[in-house]
Amino acid sequence: MKRQDYISWDEYFMGVALLAAMRSKDPHTQVGACIVNQQNIILSTGYNGFPCGCSDDSYPWDREGTESNQTKYPFVVHAELNAILNSGGKSLNGATIYVDLFPCNECAKAIIQSGIKEVVYLSDKYADEPMTLASKKMLASAGVKMRQLIPTKKTITLNYAHA
């Protein structure tokens, strides 16, 4: 008899996004993304961090500063955009992106332009912010499906010491 406690595809891909988020060095917010095609094959992953070649030690991680260039915001590449850029030119048409935090308006533009047709997210903690409302408006106008994942399991444990 087969196991009954296996995870769904949605939980698997969101788990990959959460695992990618663990690569982020951001001390405040770690976000991960996983892009999957219609055959449930992972095309790309990404997490929030600085562009390649920009040292994590040379740029600010602060959320606030007297000038905007003293904060992380002008420098950090969001997980969704990183995943799109990391796809290496693969077609993302009809793909699904799994992300633990609902995408901002800038990432929504990239999602739409890349041909991704569904966004699956865990948290929408900035739901009422103007940028999130703009994101939702653009995604809806472009016919991109948005769906919050409600996992059946609260946690998934990875064990390196496989029995």
C-alpha atoms as a PDB file:
ATOM      1  CA  MET A   1       0.000   0.000   0.000  1.00  0.00           C
ATOM      2  CA  LYS A   2       1.315   3.468  -0.865  1.00  0.00           C
ATOM      3  CA  ARG A   3       1.999   6.180   1.703  1.00  0.00           C
ATOM      4  CA  GLN A   4      -0.968   8.402   2.527  1.00  0.00           C
ATOM      5  CA  ASP A   5       0.851  11.355   4.122  1.00  0.00           C
ATOM      6  CA  TYR A   6       2.673  12.631   1.040  1.00  0.00           C
ATOM      7  CA  ILE A   7       2.543  16.341   0.153  1.00  0.00           C
ATOM      8  CA  SER A   8       0.599  17.822  -2.767  1.00  0.00           C
ATOM      9  CA  TRP A   9       2.272  19.392  -5.803  1.00  0.00           C
ATOM     10  CA  ASP A  10       1.329  22.826  -4.443  1.00  0.00           C
ATOM     11  CA  GLU A  11       2.935  22.052  -1.069  1.00  0.00           C
ATOM     12  CA  TYR A  12       6.018  20.639  -2.784  1.00  0.00           C
ATOM     13  CA  PHE A  13       6.597  23.694  -4.979  1.00  0.00           C
ATOM     14  CA  MET A  14       5.836  26.117  -2.164  1.00  0.00           C
ATOM     15  CA  GLY A  15       8.307  24.132  -0.052  1.00  0.00           C
ATOM     16  CA  VAL A  16      10.941  24.687  -2.761  1.00  0.00           C
ATOM     17  CA  ALA A  17      10.134  28.421  -2.701  1.00  0.00           C
ATOM     18  CA  LEU A  18      10.482  28.477   1.097  1.00  0.00           C
ATOM     19  CA  LEU A  19      13.770  26.570   0.857  1.00  0.00           C
ATOM     20  CA  ALA A  20      15.022  29.108  -1.704  1.00  0.00           C
ATOM     21  CA  ALA A  21      14.036  31.896   0.715  1.00  0.00           C
ATOM     22  CA  MET A  22      16.446  30.413   3.233  1.00  0.00           C
ATOM     23  CA  ARG A  23      19.310  31.465   0.889  1.00  0.00           C
ATOM     24  CA  SER A  24      18.413  35.140   1.395  1.00  0.00           C
ATOM     25  CA  LYS A  25      20.774  37.077   3.620  1.00  0.00           C
ATOM     26  CA  ASP A  26      18.176  39.782   4.287  1.00  0.00           C
ATOM     27  CA  PRO A  27      17.901  40.048   8.090  1.00  0.00           C
ATOM     28  CA  HIS A  28      14.270  41.224   7.938  1.00  0.00           C
ATOM     29  CA  THR A  29      12.445  39.531   5.072  1.00  0.00           C
ATOM     30  CA  GLN A  30      13.306  36.315   3.291  1.00  0.00           C
ATOM     31  CA  VAL A  31      11.232  35.573   0.195  1.00  0.00           C
ATOM     32  CA  GLY A  32      11.594  32.684  -2.235  1.00  0.00           C
ATOM     33  CA  ALA A  33      10.031  31.820  -5.577  1.00  0.00           C
ATOM     34  CA  CYS A  34       9.700  28.677  -7.655  1.00  0.00           C
ATOM     35  CA  ILE A  35       8.507  28.663 -11.281  1.00  0.00           C
ATOM     36  CA  VAL A  36       6.924  25.473 -12.600  1.00  0.00           C
ATOM     37  CA  ASN A  37       5.645  24.515 -16.044  1.00  0.00           C
ATOM     38  CA  GLN A  38       2.362  22.804 -16.847  1.00  0.00           C
ATOM     39  CA  GLN A  39       4.024  19.379 -16.541  1.00  0.00           C
ATOM     40  CA  ASN A  40       5.057  20.090 -12.911  1.00  0.00           C
ATOM     41  CA  ILE A  41       8.700  20.536 -13.844  1.00  0.00           C
ATOM     42  CA  ILE A  42      10.649  23.201 -11.986  1.00  0.00           C
ATOM     43  CA  LEU A  43      11.985  25.776 -14.447  1.00  0.00           C
ATOM     44  CA  SER A  44      13.670  28.156 -12.017  1.00  0.00           C
ATOM     45  CA  THR A  45      13.976  29.393  -8.444  1.00  0.00           C
ATOM     46  CA  GLY A  46      14.975  32.679  -6.866  1.00  0.00           C
ATOM     47  CA  TYR A  47      15.216  34.561  -3.602  1.00  0.00           C
ATOM     48  CA  ASN A  48      15.577  38.193  -2.571  1.00  0.00           C
ATOM     49  CA  GLY A  49      19.137  39.413  -2.629  1.00  0.00           C
ATOM     50  CA  PHE A  50      21.608  41.715  -4.328  1.00  0.00           C
ATOM     51  CA  PRO A  51      22.488  41.348  -8.026  1.00  0.00           C
ATOM     52  CA  CYS A  52      25.300  38.983  -8.992  1.00  0.00           C
ATOM     53  CA  GLY A  53      28.654  40.614  -8.413  1.00  0.00           C
ATOM     54  CA  CYS A  54      27.331  43.011  -5.760  1.00  0.00           C
ATOM     55  CA  SER A  55      28.784  41.977  -2.415  1.00  0.00           C
ATOM     56  CA  ASP A  56      26.326  41.302   0.401  1.00  0.00           C
ATOM     57  CA  ASP A  57      28.804  43.110   2.650  1.00  0.00           C
ATOM     58  CA  SER A  58      29.044  46.289   0.535  1.00  0.00           C
ATOM     59  CA  TYR A  59      25.375  47.255   0.422  1.00  0.00           C
ATOM     60  CA  PRO A  60      22.951  48.213   3.194  1.00  0.00           C
ATOM     61  CA  TRP A  61      20.412  45.763   4.610  1.00  0.00           C
ATOM     62  CA  ASP A  62      18.606  48.538   6.518  1.00  0.00           C
ATOM     63  CA  ARG A  63      14.916  49.296   5.948  1.00  0.00           C
ATOM     64  CA  GLU A  64      15.242  52.952   6.899  1.00  0.00           C
ATOM     65  CA  GLY A  65      17.852  55.641   6.275  1.00  0.00           C
ATOM     66  CA  THR A  66      18.126  59.385   5.800  1.00  0.00           C
ATOM     67  CA  GLU A  67      18.511  58.753   2.043  1.00  0.00           C
ATOM     68  CA  SER A  68      16.959  55.959  -0.010  1.00  0.00           C
ATOM     69  CA  ASN A  69      20.349  54.686  -1.158  1.00  0.00           C
ATOM     70  CA  GLN A  70      21.165  53.984   2.503  1.00  0.00           C
ATOM     71  CA  THR A  71      18.470  51.274   2.538  1.00  0.00           C
ATOM     72  CA  LYS A  72      18.222  47.892   0.872  1.00  0.00           C
ATOM     73  CA  TYR A  73      15.289  48.870  -1.378  1.00  0.00           C
ATOM     74  CA  PRO A  74      17.070  50.335  -4.408  1.00  0.00           C
ATOM     75  CA  PHE A  75      19.489  47.395  -4.517  1.00  0.00           C
ATOM     76  CA  VAL A  76      17.644  44.158  -3.692  1.00  0.00           C
ATOM     77  CA  VAL A  77      16.307  42.009  -6.516  1.00  0.00           C
ATOM     78  CA  HIS A  78      13.033  40.390  -5.438  1.00  0.00           C
ATOM     79  CA  ALA A  79      12.619  36.611  -5.480  1.00  0.00           C
ATOM     80  CA  GLU A  80      10.106  36.634  -8.355  1.00  0.00           C
ATOM     81  CA  LEU A  81      12.316  38.700 -10.656  1.00  0.00           C
ATOM     82  CA  ASN A  82      15.356  36.630  -9.687  1.00  0.00           C
ATOM     83  CA  ALA A  83      13.481  33.423 -10.567  1.00  0.00           C
ATOM     84  CA  ILE A  84      12.430  34.882 -13.934  1.00  0.00           C
ATOM     85  CA  LEU A  85      15.992  36.025 -14.680  1.00  0.00           C
ATOM     86  CA  ASN A  86      17.443  32.711 -13.449  1.00  0.00           C
ATOM     87  CA  SER A  87      15.308  30.771 -15.937  1.00  0.00           C
ATOM     88  CA  GLY A  88      18.067  31.150 -18.515  1.00  0.00           C
ATOM     89  CA  GLY A  89      15.783  32.061 -21.388  1.00  0.00           C
ATOM     90  CA  LYS A  90      13.426  29.100 -20.977  1.00  0.00           C
ATOM     91  CA  SER A  91       9.875  29.826 -22.023  1.00  0.00           C
ATOM     92  CA  LEU A  92       7.727  30.676 -19.016  1.00  0.00           C
ATOM     93  CA  ASN A  93       4.518  30.861 -21.054  1.00  0.00           C
ATOM     94  CA  GLY A  94       1.691  29.255 -19.123  1.00  0.00           C
ATOM     95  CA  ALA A  95       3.895  28.628 -16.068  1.00  0.00           C
ATOM     96  CA  THR A  96       2.970  28.989 -12.402  1.00  0.00           C
ATOM     97  CA  ILE A  97       5.053  30.926  -9.892  1.00  0.00           C
ATOM     98  CA  TYR A  98       4.976  29.902  -6.230  1.00  0.00           C
ATOM     99  CA  VAL A  99       6.003  32.655  -3.829  1.00  0.00           C
ATOM    100  CA  ASP A 100       5.624  32.950  -0.087  1.00  0.00           C
ATOM    101  CA  LEU A 101       4.742  36.691  -0.176  1.00  0.00           C
ATOM    102  CA  PHE A 102       2.301  38.212  -2.685  1.00  0.00           C
ATOM    103  CA  PRO A 103       4.274  39.948  -5.472  1.00  0.00           C
ATOM    104  CA  CYS A 104       4.816  43.700  -5.559  1.00  0.00           C
ATOM    105  CA  ASN A 105       3.808  45.806  -8.558  1.00  0.00           C
ATOM    106  CA  GLU A 106       7.283  45.682 -10.121  1.00  0.00           C
ATOM    107  CA  CYS A 107       7.393  41.890  -9.916  1.00  0.00           C
ATOM    108  CA  ALA A 108       3.825  41.708 -11.244  1.00  0.00           C
ATOM    109  CA  LYS A 109       5.000  43.490 -14.393  1.00  0.00           C
ATOM    110  CA  ALA A 110       7.790  40.947 -14.890  1.00  0.00           C
ATOM    111  CA  ILE A 111       5.415  38.044 -14.178  1.00  0.00           C
ATOM    112  CA  ILE A 112       2.976  39.311 -16.806  1.00  0.00           C
ATOM    113  CA  GLN A 113       5.663  40.065 -19.394  1.00  0.00           C
ATOM    114  CA  SER A 114       7.269  36.631 -18.960  1.00  0.00           C
ATOM    115  CA  GLY A 115       4.015  34.803 -19.745  1.00  0.00           C
ATOM    116  CA  ILE A 116       3.432  33.301 -16.303  1.00  0.00           C
ATOM    117  CA  LYS A 117      -0.292  32.594 -15.954  1.00  0.00           C
ATOM    118  CA  GLU A 118      -0.725  31.787 -12.257  1.00  0.00           C
ATOM    119  CA  VAL A 119       0.595  33.147  -8.968  1.00  0.00           C
ATOM    120  CA  VAL A 120       0.297  30.886  -5.916  1.00  0.00           C
ATOM    121  CA  TYR A 121       1.193  32.651  -2.672  1.00  0.00           C
ATOM    122  CA  LEU A 122       1.183  31.960   1.066  1.00  0.00           C
ATOM    123  CA  SER A 123       1.000  35.411   2.623  1.00  0.00           C
ATOM    124  CA  ASP A 124      -0.687  38.619   1.521  1.00  0.00           C
ATOM    125  CA  LYS A 125       0.418  40.707   4.499  1.00  0.00           C
ATOM    126  CA  TYR A 126       0.597  43.917   2.434  1.00  0.00           C
ATOM    127  CA  ALA A 127      -2.845  43.338   0.835  1.00  0.00           C
ATOM    128  CA  ASP A 128      -4.064  46.905   1.388  1.00  0.00           C
ATOM    129  CA  GLU A 129      -0.873  48.699   0.359  1.00  0.00           C
ATOM    130  CA  PRO A 130      -1.094  50.779  -2.858  1.00  0.00           C
ATOM    131  CA  MET A 131       1.669  48.785  -4.581  1.00  0.00           C
ATOM    132  CA  THR A 132      -0.038  45.461  -3.819  1.00  0.00           C
ATOM    133  CA  LEU A 133      -3.376  46.809  -5.051  1.00  0.00           C
ATOM    134  CA  ALA A 134      -1.647  47.936  -8.257  1.00  0.00           C
ATOM    135  CA  SER A 135      -0.104  44.476  -8.571  1.00  0.00           C
ATOM    136  CA  LYS A 136      -3.480  42.763  -8.224  1.00  0.00           C
ATOM    137  CA  LYS A 137      -5.083  45.119 -10.734  1.00  0.00           C
ATOM    138  CA  MET A 138      -2.393  44.425 -13.351  1.00  0.00           C
ATOM    139  CA  LEU A 139      -2.379  40.669 -12.780  1.00  0.00           C
ATOM    140  CA  ALA A 140      -6.176  40.499 -13.045  1.00  0.00           C
ATOM    141  CA  SER A 141      -6.202  42.666 -16.202  1.00  0.00           C
ATOM    142  CA  ALA A 142      -3.615  40.403 -17.811  1.00  0.00           C
ATOM    143  CA  GLY A 143      -5.598  37.268 -16.958  1.00  0.00           C
ATOM    144  CA  VAL A 144      -3.069  35.937 -14.437  1.00  0.00           C
ATOM    145  CA  LYS A 145      -4.779  33.705 -11.883  1.00  0.00           C
ATOM    146  CA  MET A 146      -3.990  34.484  -8.228  1.00  0.00           C
ATOM    147  CA  ARG A 147      -4.497  31.842  -5.573  1.00  0.00           C
ATOM    148  CA  GLN A 148      -3.567  31.661  -1.903  1.00  0.00           C
ATOM    149  CA  LEU A 149      -2.239  28.276  -0.829  1.00  0.00           C
ATOM    150  CA  ILE A 150      -3.690  26.937   2.390  1.00  0.00           C
ATOM    151  CA  PRO A 151      -1.327  24.066   3.256  1.00  0.00           C
ATOM    152  CA  THR A 152      -2.637  20.883   4.845  1.00  0.00           C
ATOM    153  CA  LYS A 153       0.538  20.639   6.955  1.00  0.00           C
ATOM    154  CA  LYS A 154       1.865  23.388   9.220  1.00  0.00           C
ATOM    155  CA  THR A 155       5.486  22.259   8.881  1.00  0.00           C
ATOM    156  CA  ILE A 156       7.637  20.026   6.713  1.00  0.00           C
ATOM    157  CA  THR A 157      10.898  18.770   8.143  1.00  0.00           C
ATOM    158  CA  LEU A 158      13.988  18.062   6.070  1.00  0.00           C
ATOM    159  CA  ASN A 159      16.329  15.537   7.581  1.00  0.00           C
ATOM    160  CA  TYR A 160      19.855  15.228   6.182  1.00  0.00           C
ATOM    161  CA  ALA A 161      20.367  11.995   8.123  1.00  0.00           C
ATOM    162  CA  HIS A 162      18.204   9.819   5.886  1.00  0.00           C
ATOM    163  CA  ALA A 163      17.423   6.457   7.440  1.00  0.00           C
END
